[in-house]
Amino acid sequence: QVQVVESGGGLVQPGGSLRLSCVASGSIFSIDGMGWYRQAPGKQREMVAVITSDGTTNYADSVKGRFTISGDNAKNTVYLQMNNLKPEDTAVYYCNIKDWDTFATTDYWGQGTQVTVSS
């Protein structure tokens, strides 16, 4: 079993910054990718930023230039630096880990961390 734990959410004013962290532990074979997703009330979960095992990154258009994803494969950890936050960034942020065991990829999710951007 794999455990995924996020931290770093909170309340911040518009224009502020937050850094989310996520660490995976347990029976991990090989992490193929890590990422951050978010879900606002009444909306579907959406991709925010992802990073593959070779360091390739991809961002949602709405966060490009403001958010930065980074990972530490040795520590099974992924970070999301969020700058110039806007009220529309308010959501529960979920960490995703893709574990590859030669035959298939399994997705593991954290419990989510709340980010609220408000004055």
PDB file of N, CA and C in Angstrom:
ATOM      1  N   GLN A   1       0.847  -1.187   0.000  1.00  0.00           N
ATOM      2  CA  GLN A   1       0.000   0.000   0.000  1.00  0.00           C
ATOM      3  C   GLN A   1       0.889   1.246   0.000  1.00  0.00           C
ATOM      4  N   VAL A   2       0.373   2.279  -0.649  1.00  0.00           N
ATOM      5  CA  VAL A   2       1.107   3.543  -0.757  1.00  0.00           C
ATOM      6  C   VAL A   2       0.316   4.626  -0.055  1.00  0.00           C
ATOM      7  N   GLN A   3       1.000   5.411   0.753  1.00  0.00           N
ATOM      8  CA  GLN A   3       0.366   6.541   1.426  1.00  0.00           C
ATOM      9  C   GLN A   3       0.876   7.837   0.810  1.00  0.00           C
ATOM     10  N   VAL A   4      -0.065   8.765   0.631  1.00  0.00           N
ATOM     11  CA  VAL A   4       0.268  10.066   0.043  1.00  0.00           C
ATOM     12  C   VAL A   4      -0.246  11.144   0.988  1.00  0.00           C
ATOM     13  N   VAL A   5       0.639  12.019   1.421  1.00  0.00           N
ATOM     14  CA  VAL A   5       0.252  13.031   2.396  1.00  0.00           C
ATOM     15  C   VAL A   5       0.664  14.418   1.904  1.00  0.00           C
ATOM     16  N   GLU A   6      -0.317  15.316   1.836  1.00  0.00           N
ATOM     17  CA  GLU A   6      -0.044  16.699   1.441  1.00  0.00           C
ATOM     18  C   GLU A   6       0.036  17.591   2.674  1.00  0.00           C
ATOM     19  N   SER A   7       0.701  18.725   2.507  1.00  0.00           N
ATOM     20  CA  SER A   7       0.748  19.734   3.558  1.00  0.00           C
ATOM     21  C   SER A   7       1.027  21.084   2.917  1.00  0.00           C
ATOM     22  N   GLY A   8       0.761  22.150   3.673  1.00  0.00           N
ATOM     23  CA  GLY A   8       1.121  23.481   3.210  1.00  0.00           C
ATOM     24  C   GLY A   8      -0.027  24.379   2.796  1.00  0.00           C
ATOM     25  N   GLY A   9      -1.246  23.866   2.824  1.00  0.00           N
ATOM     26  CA  GLY A   9      -2.376  24.703   2.461  1.00  0.00           C
ATOM     27  C   GLY A   9      -2.673  25.730   3.537  1.00  0.00           C
ATOM     28  N   GLY A  10      -3.632  26.616   3.246  1.00  0.00           N
ATOM     29  CA  GLY A  10      -3.996  27.621   4.228  1.00  0.00           C
ATOM     30  C   GLY A  10      -4.728  28.781   3.603  1.00  0.00           C
ATOM     31  N   LEU A  11      -4.857  29.841   4.383  1.00  0.00           N
ATOM     32  CA  LEU A  11      -5.533  31.063   3.948  1.00  0.00           C
ATOM     33  C   LEU A  11      -4.472  32.112   3.600  1.00  0.00           C
ATOM     34  N   VAL A  12      -4.615  32.710   2.435  1.00  0.00           N
ATOM     35  CA  VAL A  12      -3.659  33.723   1.990  1.00  0.00           C
ATOM     36  C   VAL A  12      -4.402  34.819   1.256  1.00  0.00           C
ATOM     37  N   GLN A  13      -3.866  36.025   1.314  1.00  0.00           N
ATOM     38  CA  GLN A  13      -4.481  37.143   0.616  1.00  0.00           C
ATOM     39  C   GLN A  13      -4.130  37.107  -0.871  1.00  0.00           C
ATOM     40  N   PRO A  14      -4.961  37.703  -1.704  1.00  0.00           N
ATOM     41  CA  PRO A  14      -4.630  37.784  -3.134  1.00  0.00           C
ATOM     42  C   PRO A  14      -3.255  38.407  -3.335  1.00  0.00           C
ATOM     43  N   GLY A  15      -2.484  37.808  -4.243  1.00  0.00           N
ATOM     44  CA  GLY A  15      -1.121  38.250  -4.481  1.00  0.00           C
ATOM     45  C   GLY A  15      -0.091  37.550  -3.627  1.00  0.00           C
ATOM     46  N   GLY A  16      -0.546  36.786  -2.660  1.00  0.00           N
ATOM     47  CA  GLY A  16       0.365  36.084  -1.762  1.00  0.00           C
ATOM     48  C   GLY A  16       0.872  34.784  -2.345  1.00  0.00           C
ATOM     49  N   SER A  17       1.649  34.074  -1.532  1.00  0.00           N
ATOM     50  CA  SER A  17       2.283  32.833  -1.970  1.00  0.00           C
ATOM     51  C   SER A  17       2.061  31.726  -0.951  1.00  0.00           C
ATOM     52  N   LEU A  18       2.053  30.504  -1.459  1.00  0.00           N
ATOM     53  CA  LEU A  18       2.018  29.307  -0.630  1.00  0.00           C
ATOM     54  C   LEU A  18       2.863  28.243  -1.300  1.00  0.00           C
ATOM     55  N   ARG A  19       3.382  27.334  -0.486  1.00  0.00           N
ATOM     56  CA  ARG A  19       4.120  26.198  -1.021  1.00  0.00           C
ATOM     57  C   ARG A  19       3.507  24.912  -0.480  1.00  0.00           C
ATOM     58  N   LEU A  20       3.034  24.081  -1.398  1.00  0.00           N
ATOM     59  CA  LEU A  20       2.473  22.783  -1.028  1.00  0.00           C
ATOM     60  C   LEU A  20       3.552  21.712  -1.142  1.00  0.00           C
ATOM     61  N   SER A  21       3.481  20.755  -0.226  1.00  0.00           N
ATOM     62  CA  SER A  21       4.407  19.618  -0.251  1.00  0.00           C
ATOM     63  C   SER A  21       3.606  18.328  -0.232  1.00  0.00           C
ATOM     64  N   CYS A  22       4.176  17.314  -0.832  1.00  0.00           N
ATOM     65  CA  CYS A  22       3.530  15.999  -0.867  1.00  0.00           C
ATOM     66  C   CYS A  22       4.611  14.931  -0.788  1.00  0.00           C
ATOM     67  N   VAL A  23       4.414  13.977   0.098  1.00  0.00           N
ATOM     68  CA  VAL A  23       5.370  12.881   0.220  1.00  0.00           C
ATOM     69  C   VAL A  23       4.629  11.556   0.126  1.00  0.00           C
ATOM     70  N   ALA A  24       5.204  10.646  -0.646  1.00  0.00           N
ATOM     71  CA  ALA A  24       4.642   9.311  -0.792  1.00  0.00           C
ATOM     72  C   ALA A  24       5.512   8.310  -0.045  1.00  0.00           C
ATOM     73  N   SER A  25       4.866   7.336   0.591  1.00  0.00           N
ATOM     74  CA  SER A  25       5.609   6.321   1.334  1.00  0.00           C
ATOM     75  C   SER A  25       4.891   4.989   1.213  1.00  0.00           C
ATOM     76  N   GLY A  26       5.580   3.929   1.599  1.00  0.00           N
ATOM     77  CA  GLY A  26       4.989   2.602   1.539  1.00  0.00           C
ATOM     78  C   GLY A  26       5.607   1.759   0.441  1.00  0.00           C
ATOM     79  N   SER A  27       4.811   0.861  -0.129  1.00  0.00           N
ATOM     80  CA  SER A  27       5.297  -0.099  -1.120  1.00  0.00           C
ATOM     81  C   SER A  27       5.313   0.512  -2.521  1.00  0.00           C
ATOM     82  N   ILE A  28       6.266   1.387  -2.733  1.00  0.00           N
ATOM     83  CA  ILE A  28       6.399   2.070  -4.015  1.00  0.00           C
ATOM     84  C   ILE A  28       7.350   1.285  -4.913  1.00  0.00           C
ATOM     85  N   PHE A  29       6.934   1.022  -6.160  1.00  0.00           N
ATOM     86  CA  PHE A  29       7.804   0.332  -7.113  1.00  0.00           C
ATOM     87  C   PHE A  29       8.694   1.351  -7.828  1.00  0.00           C
ATOM     88  N   SER A  30       8.091   2.165  -8.653  1.00  0.00           N
ATOM     89  CA  SER A  30       8.839   3.167  -9.400  1.00  0.00           C
ATOM     90  C   SER A  30       7.888   4.304  -9.750  1.00  0.00           C
ATOM     91  N   ILE A  31       8.159   5.483  -9.248  1.00  0.00           N
ATOM     92  CA  ILE A  31       7.271   6.616  -9.523  1.00  0.00           C
ATOM     93  C   ILE A  31       7.486   7.084 -10.960  1.00  0.00           C
ATOM     94  N   ASP A  32       6.412   7.034 -11.722  1.00  0.00           N
ATOM     95  CA  ASP A  32       6.456   7.410 -13.133  1.00  0.00           C
ATOM     96  C   ASP A  32       6.101   8.877 -13.329  1.00  0.00           C
ATOM     97  N   GLY A  33       5.412   9.439 -12.371  1.00  0.00           N
ATOM     98  CA  GLY A  33       5.029  10.841 -12.464  1.00  0.00           C
ATOM     99  C   GLY A  33       4.357  11.277 -11.180  1.00  0.00           C
ATOM    100  N   MET A  34       4.366  12.589 -10.955  1.00  0.00           N
ATOM    101  CA  MET A  34       3.707  13.167  -9.790  1.00  0.00           C
ATOM    102  C   MET A  34       2.991  14.430 -10.233  1.00  0.00           C
ATOM    103  N   GLY A  35       1.970  14.806  -9.511  1.00  0.00           N
ATOM    104  CA  GLY A  35       1.266  15.994  -9.941  1.00  0.00           C
ATOM    105  C   GLY A  35       0.335  16.556  -8.891  1.00  0.00           C
ATOM    106  N   TRP A  36      -0.184  17.730  -9.215  1.00  0.00           N
ATOM    107  CA  TRP A  36      -1.149  18.413  -8.359  1.00  0.00           C
ATOM    108  C   TRP A  36      -2.426  18.672  -9.151  1.00  0.00           C
ATOM    109  N   TYR A  37      -3.536  18.399  -8.518  1.00  0.00           N
ATOM    110  CA  TYR A  37      -4.854  18.647  -9.078  1.00  0.00           C
ATOM    111  C   TYR A  37      -5.634  19.453  -8.046  1.00  0.00           C
ATOM    112  N   ARG A  38      -6.690  20.081  -8.498  1.00  0.00           N
ATOM    113  CA  ARG A  38      -7.516  20.848  -7.557  1.00  0.00           C
ATOM    114  C   ARG A  38      -8.985  20.724  -7.911  1.00  0.00           C
ATOM    115  N   GLN A  39      -9.804  20.918  -6.893  1.00  0.00           N
ATOM    116  CA  GLN A  39     -11.253  20.865  -7.080  1.00  0.00           C
ATOM    117  C   GLN A  39     -11.896  21.962  -6.259  1.00  0.00           C
ATOM    118  N   ALA A  40     -12.552  22.860  -6.968  1.00  0.00           N
ATOM    119  CA  ALA A  40     -13.285  23.942  -6.324  1.00  0.00           C
ATOM    120  C   ALA A  40     -14.729  23.494  -6.106  1.00  0.00           C
ATOM    121  N   PRO A  41     -15.442  24.113  -5.164  1.00  0.00           N
ATOM    122  CA  PRO A  41     -16.835  23.725  -4.909  1.00  0.00           C
ATOM    123  C   PRO A  41     -17.679  23.802  -6.175  1.00  0.00           C
ATOM    124  N   GLY A  42     -18.404  22.741  -6.459  1.00  0.00           N
ATOM    125  CA  GLY A  42     -19.277  22.710  -7.616  1.00  0.00           C
ATOM    126  C   GLY A  42     -18.589  22.485  -8.939  1.00  0.00           C
ATOM    127  N   LYS A  43     -17.291  22.240  -8.909  1.00  0.00           N
ATOM    128  CA  LYS A  43     -16.548  22.039 -10.150  1.00  0.00           C
ATOM    129  C   LYS A  43     -15.859  20.685 -10.154  1.00  0.00           C
ATOM    130  N   GLN A  44     -15.470  20.257 -11.349  1.00  0.00           N
ATOM    131  CA  GLN A  44     -14.748  18.995 -11.466  1.00  0.00           C
ATOM    132  C   GLN A  44     -13.280  19.180 -11.087  1.00  0.00           C
ATOM    133  N   ARG A  45     -12.673  18.085 -10.698  1.00  0.00           N
ATOM    134  CA  ARG A  45     -11.250  18.121 -10.395  1.00  0.00           C
ATOM    135  C   ARG A  45     -10.485  18.398 -11.692  1.00  0.00           C
ATOM    136  N   GLU A  46      -9.470  19.281 -11.604  1.00  0.00           N
ATOM    137  CA  GLU A  46      -8.695  19.637 -12.779  1.00  0.00           C
ATOM    138  C   GLU A  46      -7.205  19.536 -12.495  1.00  0.00           C
ATOM    139  N   MET A  47      -6.451  19.285 -13.540  1.00  0.00           N
ATOM    140  CA  MET A  47      -4.997  19.223 -13.429  1.00  0.00           C
ATOM    141  C   MET A  47      -4.459  20.638 -13.234  1.00  0.00           C
ATOM    142  N   VAL A  48      -3.535  20.777 -12.310  1.00  0.00           N
ATOM    143  CA  VAL A  48      -2.857  22.045 -12.089  1.00  0.00           C
ATOM    144  C   VAL A  48      -1.441  21.992 -12.677  1.00  0.00           C
ATOM    145  N   ALA A  49      -0.689  20.983 -12.277  1.00  0.00           N
ATOM    146  CA  ALA A  49       0.687  20.830 -12.744  1.00  0.00           C
ATOM    147  C   ALA A  49       1.121  19.389 -12.545  1.00  0.00           C
ATOM    148  N   VAL A  50       1.889  18.882 -13.497  1.00  0.00           N
ATOM    149  CA  VAL A  50       2.412  17.519 -13.388  1.00  0.00           C
ATOM    150  C   VAL A  50       3.882  17.516 -13.767  1.00  0.00           C
ATOM    151  N   ILE A  51       4.604  16.529 -13.245  1.00  0.00           N
ATOM    152  CA  ILE A  51       6.014  16.370 -13.557  1.00  0.00           C
ATOM    153  C   ILE A  51       6.288  14.886 -13.731  1.00  0.00           C
ATOM    154  N   THR A  52       6.988  14.536 -14.803  1.00  0.00           N
ATOM    155  CA  THR A  52       7.308  13.138 -15.064  1.00  0.00           C
ATOM    156  C   THR A  52       8.632  12.767 -14.404  1.00  0.00           C
ATOM    157  N   SER A  53       8.967  11.487 -14.462  1.00  0.00           N
ATOM    158  CA  SER A  53      10.183  11.008 -13.810  1.00  0.00           C
ATOM    159  C   SER A  53      11.450  11.607 -14.425  1.00  0.00           C
ATOM    160  N   ASP A  54      11.362  12.071 -15.667  1.00  0.00           N
ATOM    161  CA  ASP A  54      12.539  12.688 -16.304  1.00  0.00           C
ATOM    162  C   ASP A  54      12.541  14.201 -16.161  1.00  0.00           C
ATOM    163  N   GLY A  55      11.593  14.734 -15.398  1.00  0.00           N
ATOM    164  CA  GLY A  55      11.591  16.161 -15.115  1.00  0.00           C
ATOM    165  C   GLY A  55      10.744  17.022 -16.036  1.00  0.00           C
ATOM    166  N   THR A  56      10.083  16.400 -16.986  1.00  0.00           N
ATOM    167  CA  THR A  56       9.209  17.162 -17.879  1.00  0.00           C
ATOM    168  C   THR A  56       7.985  17.659 -17.112  1.00  0.00           C
ATOM    169  N   THR A  57       7.664  18.935 -17.296  1.00  0.00           N
ATOM    170  CA  THR A  57       6.538  19.524 -16.573  1.00  0.00           C
ATOM    171  C   THR A  57       5.446  19.988 -17.527  1.00  0.00           C
ATOM    172  N   ASN A  58       4.247  20.063 -16.992  1.00  0.00           N
ATOM    173  CA  ASN A  58       3.110  20.564 -17.751  1.00  0.00           C
ATOM    174  C   ASN A  58       2.197  21.305 -16.789  1.00  0.00           C
ATOM    175  N   TYR A  59       1.677  22.449 -17.233  1.00  0.00           N
ATOM    176  CA  TYR A  59       0.858  23.286 -16.372  1.00  0.00           C
ATOM    177  C   TYR A  59      -0.484  23.609 -17.035  1.00  0.00           C
ATOM    178  N   ALA A  60      -1.473  23.813 -16.209  1.00  0.00           N
ATOM    179  CA  ALA A  60      -2.728  24.354 -16.707  1.00  0.00           C
ATOM    180  C   ALA A  60      -2.465  25.790 -17.146  1.00  0.00           C
ATOM    181  N   ASP A  61      -3.160  26.217 -18.184  1.00  0.00           N
ATOM    182  CA  ASP A  61      -2.952  27.575 -18.697  1.00  0.00           C
ATOM    183  C   ASP A  61      -3.202  28.627 -17.612  1.00  0.00           C
ATOM    184  N   SER A  62      -4.137  28.354 -16.732  1.00  0.00           N
ATOM    185  CA  SER A  62      -4.530  29.342 -15.722  1.00  0.00           C
ATOM    186  C   SER A  62      -3.444  29.598 -14.669  1.00  0.00           C
ATOM    187  N   VAL A  63      -2.454  28.709 -14.587  1.00  0.00           N
ATOM    188  CA  VAL A  63      -1.419  28.881 -13.555  1.00  0.00           C
ATOM    189  C   VAL A  63      -0.032  29.099 -14.139  1.00  0.00           C
ATOM    190  N   LYS A  64       0.097  29.040 -15.440  1.00  0.00           N
ATOM    191  CA  LYS A  64       1.411  29.223 -16.059  1.00  0.00           C
ATOM    192  C   LYS A  64       1.996  30.581 -15.690  1.00  0.00           C
ATOM    193  N   GLY A  65       3.269  30.569 -15.332  1.00  0.00           N
ATOM    194  CA  GLY A  65       3.940  31.800 -14.945  1.00  0.00           C
ATOM    195  C   GLY A  65       3.764  32.165 -13.490  1.00  0.00           C
ATOM    196  N   ARG A  66       2.848  31.470 -12.787  1.00  0.00           N
ATOM    197  CA  ARG A  66       2.614  31.758 -11.363  1.00  0.00           C
ATOM    198  C   ARG A  66       2.975  30.572 -10.474  1.00  0.00           C
ATOM    199  N   PHE A  67       2.756  29.369 -10.946  1.00  0.00           N
ATOM    200  CA  PHE A  67       3.009  28.155 -10.163  1.00  0.00           C
ATOM    201  C   PHE A  67       4.224  27.424 -10.722  1.00  0.00           C
ATOM    202  N   THR A  68       4.949  26.771  -9.840  1.00  0.00           N
ATOM    203  CA  THR A  68       6.086  25.959 -10.247  1.00  0.00           C
ATOM    204  C   THR A  68       6.063  24.620  -9.518  1.00  0.00           C
ATOM    205  N   ILE A  69       6.105  23.540 -10.294  1.00  0.00           N
ATOM    206  CA  ILE A  69       6.150  22.197  -9.707  1.00  0.00           C
ATOM    207  C   ILE A  69       7.588  21.697  -9.736  1.00  0.00           C
ATOM    208  N   SER A  70       7.964  21.016  -8.681  1.00  0.00           N
ATOM    209  CA  SER A  70       9.298  20.412  -8.629  1.00  0.00           C
ATOM    210  C   SER A  70       9.208  19.103  -7.858  1.00  0.00           C
ATOM    211  N   GLY A  71      10.139  18.213  -8.132  1.00  0.00           N
ATOM    212  CA  GLY A  71      10.090  16.911  -7.479  1.00  0.00           C
ATOM    213  C   GLY A  71      11.456  16.450  -7.035  1.00  0.00           C
ATOM    214  N   ASP A  72      11.444  15.580  -6.051  1.00  0.00           N
ATOM    215  CA  ASP A  72      12.668  14.951  -5.568  1.00  0.00           C
ATOM    216  C   ASP A  72      12.406  13.451  -5.582  1.00  0.00           C
ATOM    217  N   ASN A  73      12.846  12.781  -6.643  1.00  0.00           N
ATOM    218  CA  ASN A  73      12.562  11.355  -6.805  1.00  0.00           C
ATOM    219  C   ASN A  73      13.154  10.523  -5.668  1.00  0.00           C
ATOM    220  N   ALA A  74      14.309  10.918  -5.181  1.00  0.00           N
ATOM    221  CA  ALA A  74      14.964  10.152  -4.119  1.00  0.00           C
ATOM    222  C   ALA A  74      14.134  10.175  -2.835  1.00  0.00           C
ATOM    223  N   LYS A  75      13.390  11.260  -2.635  1.00  0.00           N
ATOM    224  CA  LYS A  75      12.586  11.402  -1.423  1.00  0.00           C
ATOM    225  C   LYS A  75      11.097  11.163  -1.677  1.00  0.00           C
ATOM    226  N   ASN A  76      10.749  10.782  -2.910  1.00  0.00           N
ATOM    227  CA  ASN A  76       9.333  10.561  -3.265  1.00  0.00           C
ATOM    228  C   ASN A  76       8.483  11.761  -2.872  1.00  0.00           C
ATOM    229  N   THR A  77       9.005  12.933  -3.187  1.00  0.00           N
ATOM    230  CA  THR A  77       8.356  14.171  -2.770  1.00  0.00           C
ATOM    231  C   THR A  77       8.134  15.081  -3.968  1.00  0.00           C
ATOM    232  N   VAL A  78       7.010  15.785  -3.945  1.00  0.00           N
ATOM    233  CA  VAL A  78       6.713  16.770  -4.979  1.00  0.00           C
ATOM    234  C   VAL A  78       6.216  18.041  -4.304  1.00  0.00           C
ATOM    235  N   TYR A  79       6.598  19.171  -4.884  1.00  0.00           N
ATOM    236  CA  TYR A  79       6.248  20.474  -4.333  1.00  0.00           C
ATOM    237  C   TYR A  79       5.485  21.287  -5.377  1.00  0.00           C
ATOM    238  N   LEU A  80       4.703  22.240  -4.876  1.00  0.00           N
ATOM    239  CA  LEU A  80       4.036  23.193  -5.750  1.00  0.00           C
ATOM    240  C   LEU A  80       4.199  24.574  -5.129  1.00  0.00           C
ATOM    241  N   GLN A  81       5.035  25.389  -5.759  1.00  0.00           N
ATOM    242  CA  GLN A  81       5.207  26.773  -5.325  1.00  0.00           C
ATOM    243  C   GLN A  81       4.165  27.618  -6.047  1.00  0.00           C
ATOM    244  N   MET A  82       3.322  28.295  -5.281  1.00  0.00           N
ATOM    245  CA  MET A  82       2.236  29.081  -5.851  1.00  0.00           C
ATOM    246  C   MET A  82       2.457  30.543  -5.505  1.00  0.00           C
ATOM    247  N   ASN A  83       2.660  31.355  -6.527  1.00  0.00           N
ATOM    248  CA  ASN A  83       2.873  32.794  -6.341  1.00  0.00           C
ATOM    249  C   ASN A  83       1.743  33.571  -6.988  1.00  0.00           C
ATOM    250  N   ASN A  84       1.610  34.822  -6.569  1.00  0.00           N
ATOM    251  CA  ASN A  84       0.579  35.702  -7.116  1.00  0.00           C
ATOM    252  C   ASN A  84      -0.791  35.013  -7.119  1.00  0.00           C
ATOM    253  N   LEU A  85      -1.152  34.489  -5.988  1.00  0.00           N
ATOM    254  CA  LEU A  85      -2.403  33.737  -5.890  1.00  0.00           C
ATOM    255  C   LEU A  85      -3.610  34.631  -6.112  1.00  0.00           C
ATOM    256  N   LYS A  86      -4.637  34.048  -6.721  1.00  0.00           N
ATOM    257  CA  LYS A  86      -5.864  34.753  -7.033  1.00  0.00           C
ATOM    258  C   LYS A  86      -7.037  34.061  -6.348  1.00  0.00           C
ATOM    259  N   PRO A  87      -8.120  34.771  -6.123  1.00  0.00           N
ATOM    260  CA  PRO A  87      -9.288  34.128  -5.490  1.00  0.00           C
ATOM    261  C   PRO A  87      -9.760  32.881  -6.239  1.00  0.00           C
ATOM    262  N   GLU A  88      -9.619  32.880  -7.551  1.00  0.00           N
ATOM    263  CA  GLU A  88     -10.049  31.718  -8.336  1.00  0.00           C
ATOM    264  C   GLU A  88      -9.146  30.498  -8.152  1.00  0.00           C
ATOM    265  N   ASP A  89      -8.040  30.657  -7.434  1.00  0.00           N
ATOM    266  CA  ASP A  89      -7.187  29.510  -7.102  1.00  0.00           C
ATOM    267  C   ASP A  89      -7.708  28.764  -5.874  1.00  0.00           C
ATOM    268  N   THR A  90      -8.726  29.317  -5.235  1.00  0.00           N
ATOM    269  CA  THR A  90      -9.300  28.671  -4.059  1.00  0.00           C
ATOM    270  C   THR A  90      -9.874  27.308  -4.423  1.00  0.00           C
ATOM    271  N   ALA A  91      -9.406  26.283  -3.715  1.00  0.00           N
ATOM    272  CA  ALA A  91      -9.827  24.912  -4.004  1.00  0.00           C
ATOM    273  C   ALA A  91      -9.149  23.973  -3.013  1.00  0.00           C
ATOM    274  N   VAL A  92      -9.592  22.728  -3.049  1.00  0.00           N
ATOM    275  CA  VAL A  92      -8.849  21.668  -2.361  1.00  0.00           C
ATOM    276  C   VAL A  92      -7.819  21.129  -3.353  1.00  0.00           C
ATOM    277  N   TYR A  93      -6.588  21.101  -2.943  1.00  0.00           N
ATOM    278  CA  TYR A  93      -5.496  20.646  -3.804  1.00  0.00           C
ATOM    279  C   TYR A  93      -5.110  19.216  -3.430  1.00  0.00           C
ATOM    280  N   TYR A  94      -5.055  18.377  -4.444  1.00  0.00           N
ATOM    281  CA  TYR A  94      -4.753  16.963  -4.248  1.00  0.00           C
ATOM    282  C   TYR A  94      -3.437  16.595  -4.929  1.00  0.00           C
ATOM    283  N   CYS A  95      -2.666  15.791  -4.245  1.00  0.00           N
ATOM    284  CA  CYS A  95      -1.434  15.273  -4.816  1.00  0.00           C
ATOM    285  C   CYS A  95      -1.710  13.905  -5.460  1.00  0.00           C
ATOM    286  N   ASN A  96      -1.123  13.695  -6.607  1.00  0.00           N
ATOM    287  CA  ASN A  96      -1.263  12.424  -7.332  1.00  0.00           C
ATOM    288  C   ASN A  96       0.109  11.807  -7.572  1.00  0.00           C
ATOM    289  N   ILE A  97       0.191  10.519  -7.320  1.00  0.00           N
ATOM    290  CA  ILE A  97       1.425   9.775  -7.564  1.00  0.00           C
ATOM    291  C   ILE A  97       1.109   8.636  -8.529  1.00  0.00           C
ATOM    292  N   LYS A  98       1.889   8.489  -9.575  1.00  0.00           N
ATOM    293  CA  LYS A  98       1.723   7.386 -10.528  1.00  0.00           C
ATOM    294  C   LYS A  98       2.850   6.384 -10.294  1.00  0.00           C
ATOM    295  N   ASP A  99       2.473   5.205  -9.862  1.00  0.00           N
ATOM    296  CA  ASP A  99       3.426   4.162  -9.515  1.00  0.00           C
ATOM    297  C   ASP A  99       3.420   3.084 -10.595  1.00  0.00           C
ATOM    298  N   TRP A 100       4.567   2.865 -11.214  1.00  0.00           N
ATOM    299  CA  TRP A 100       4.705   1.902 -12.322  1.00  0.00           C
ATOM    300  C   TRP A 100       5.388   0.641 -11.805  1.00  0.00           C
ATOM    301  N   ASP A 101       4.692  -0.517 -11.987  1.00  0.00           N
ATOM    302  CA  ASP A 101       5.253  -1.771 -11.491  1.00  0.00           C
ATOM    303  C   ASP A 101       5.593  -2.729 -12.617  1.00  0.00           C
ATOM    304  N   THR A 102       5.932  -2.217 -13.767  1.00  0.00           N
ATOM    305  CA  THR A 102       6.307  -2.966 -14.973  1.00  0.00           C
ATOM    306  C   THR A 102       5.100  -3.374 -15.809  1.00  0.00           C
ATOM    307  N   PHE A 103       4.002  -3.717 -15.136  1.00  0.00           N
ATOM    308  CA  PHE A 103       2.817  -4.164 -15.863  1.00  0.00           C
ATOM    309  C   PHE A 103       1.770  -3.068 -16.018  1.00  0.00           C
ATOM    310  N   ALA A 104       1.668  -2.217 -15.029  1.00  0.00           N
ATOM    311  CA  ALA A 104       0.625  -1.201 -15.066  1.00  0.00           C
ATOM    312  C   ALA A 104       0.982  -0.045 -14.155  1.00  0.00           C
ATOM    313  N   THR A 105       0.283   1.070 -14.395  1.00  0.00           N
ATOM    314  CA  THR A 105       0.451   2.252 -13.556  1.00  0.00           C
ATOM    315  C   THR A 105      -0.738   2.372 -12.618  1.00  0.00           C
ATOM    316  N   THR A 106      -0.465   2.604 -11.358  1.00  0.00           N
ATOM    317  CA  THR A 106      -1.516   2.797 -10.371  1.00  0.00           C
ATOM    318  C   THR A 106      -1.469   4.231  -9.868  1.00  0.00           C
ATOM    319  N   ASP A 107      -2.645   4.842  -9.796  1.00  0.00           N
ATOM    320  CA  ASP A 107      -2.751   6.206  -9.274  1.00  0.00           C
ATOM    321  C   ASP A 107      -3.048   6.170  -7.781  1.00  0.00           C
ATOM    322  N   TYR A 108      -2.298   6.964  -7.041  1.00  0.00           N
ATOM    323  CA  TYR A 108      -2.552   7.144  -5.617  1.00  0.00           C
ATOM    324  C   TYR A 108      -2.794   8.625  -5.351  1.00  0.00           C
ATOM    325  N   TRP A 109      -3.745   8.895  -4.460  1.00  0.00           N
ATOM    326  CA  TRP A 109      -4.149  10.263  -4.157  1.00  0.00           C
ATOM    327  C   TRP A 109      -4.001  10.547  -2.674  1.00  0.00           C
ATOM    328  N   GLY A 110      -3.663  11.800  -2.382  1.00  0.00           N
ATOM    329  CA  GLY A 110      -3.680  12.248  -1.012  1.00  0.00           C
ATOM    330  C   GLY A 110      -5.084  12.643  -0.595  1.00  0.00           C
ATOM    331  N   GLN A 111      -5.211  13.082   0.651  1.00  0.00           N
ATOM    332  CA  GLN A 111      -6.524  13.425   1.193  1.00  0.00           C
ATOM    333  C   GLN A 111      -6.939  14.845   0.832  1.00  0.00           C
ATOM    334  N   GLY A 112      -5.986  15.620   0.318  1.00  0.00           N
ATOM    335  CA  GLY A 112      -6.278  16.991  -0.093  1.00  0.00           C
ATOM    336  C   GLY A 112      -5.907  18.009   0.973  1.00  0.00           C
ATOM    337  N   THR A 113      -5.559  19.184   0.515  1.00  0.00           N
ATOM    338  CA  THR A 113      -5.255  20.296   1.422  1.00  0.00           C
ATOM    339  C   THR A 113      -5.954  21.545   0.895  1.00  0.00           C
ATOM    340  N   GLN A 114      -6.617  22.254   1.782  1.00  0.00           N
ATOM    341  CA  GLN A 114      -7.427  23.411   1.385  1.00  0.00           C
ATOM    342  C   GLN A 114      -6.542  24.638   1.171  1.00  0.00           C
ATOM    343  N   VAL A 115      -6.750  25.291   0.039  1.00  0.00           N
ATOM    344  CA  VAL A 115      -6.113  26.585  -0.243  1.00  0.00           C
ATOM    345  C   VAL A 115      -7.227  27.601  -0.431  1.00  0.00           C
ATOM    346  N   THR A 116      -7.204  28.646   0.362  1.00  0.00           N
ATOM    347  CA  THR A 116      -8.212  29.699   0.282  1.00  0.00           C
ATOM    348  C   THR A 116      -7.510  31.033   0.056  1.00  0.00           C
ATOM    349  N   VAL A 117      -7.900  31.695  -1.024  1.00  0.00           N
ATOM    350  CA  VAL A 117      -7.326  33.002  -1.363  1.00  0.00           C
ATOM    351  C   VAL A 117      -8.425  34.042  -1.192  1.00  0.00           C
ATOM    352  N   SER A 118      -8.255  34.866  -0.190  1.00  0.00           N
ATOM    353  CA  SER A 118      -9.298  35.831   0.134  1.00  0.00           C
ATOM    354  C   SER A 118      -8.722  36.985   0.941  1.00  0.00           C
ATOM    355  N   SER A 119      -9.295  38.156   0.735  1.00  0.00           N
ATOM    356  CA  SER A 119      -8.882  39.315   1.511  1.00  0.00           C
ATOM    357  C   SER A 119      -9.778  39.475   2.739  1.00  0.00           C
TER     358      SER A 119
END
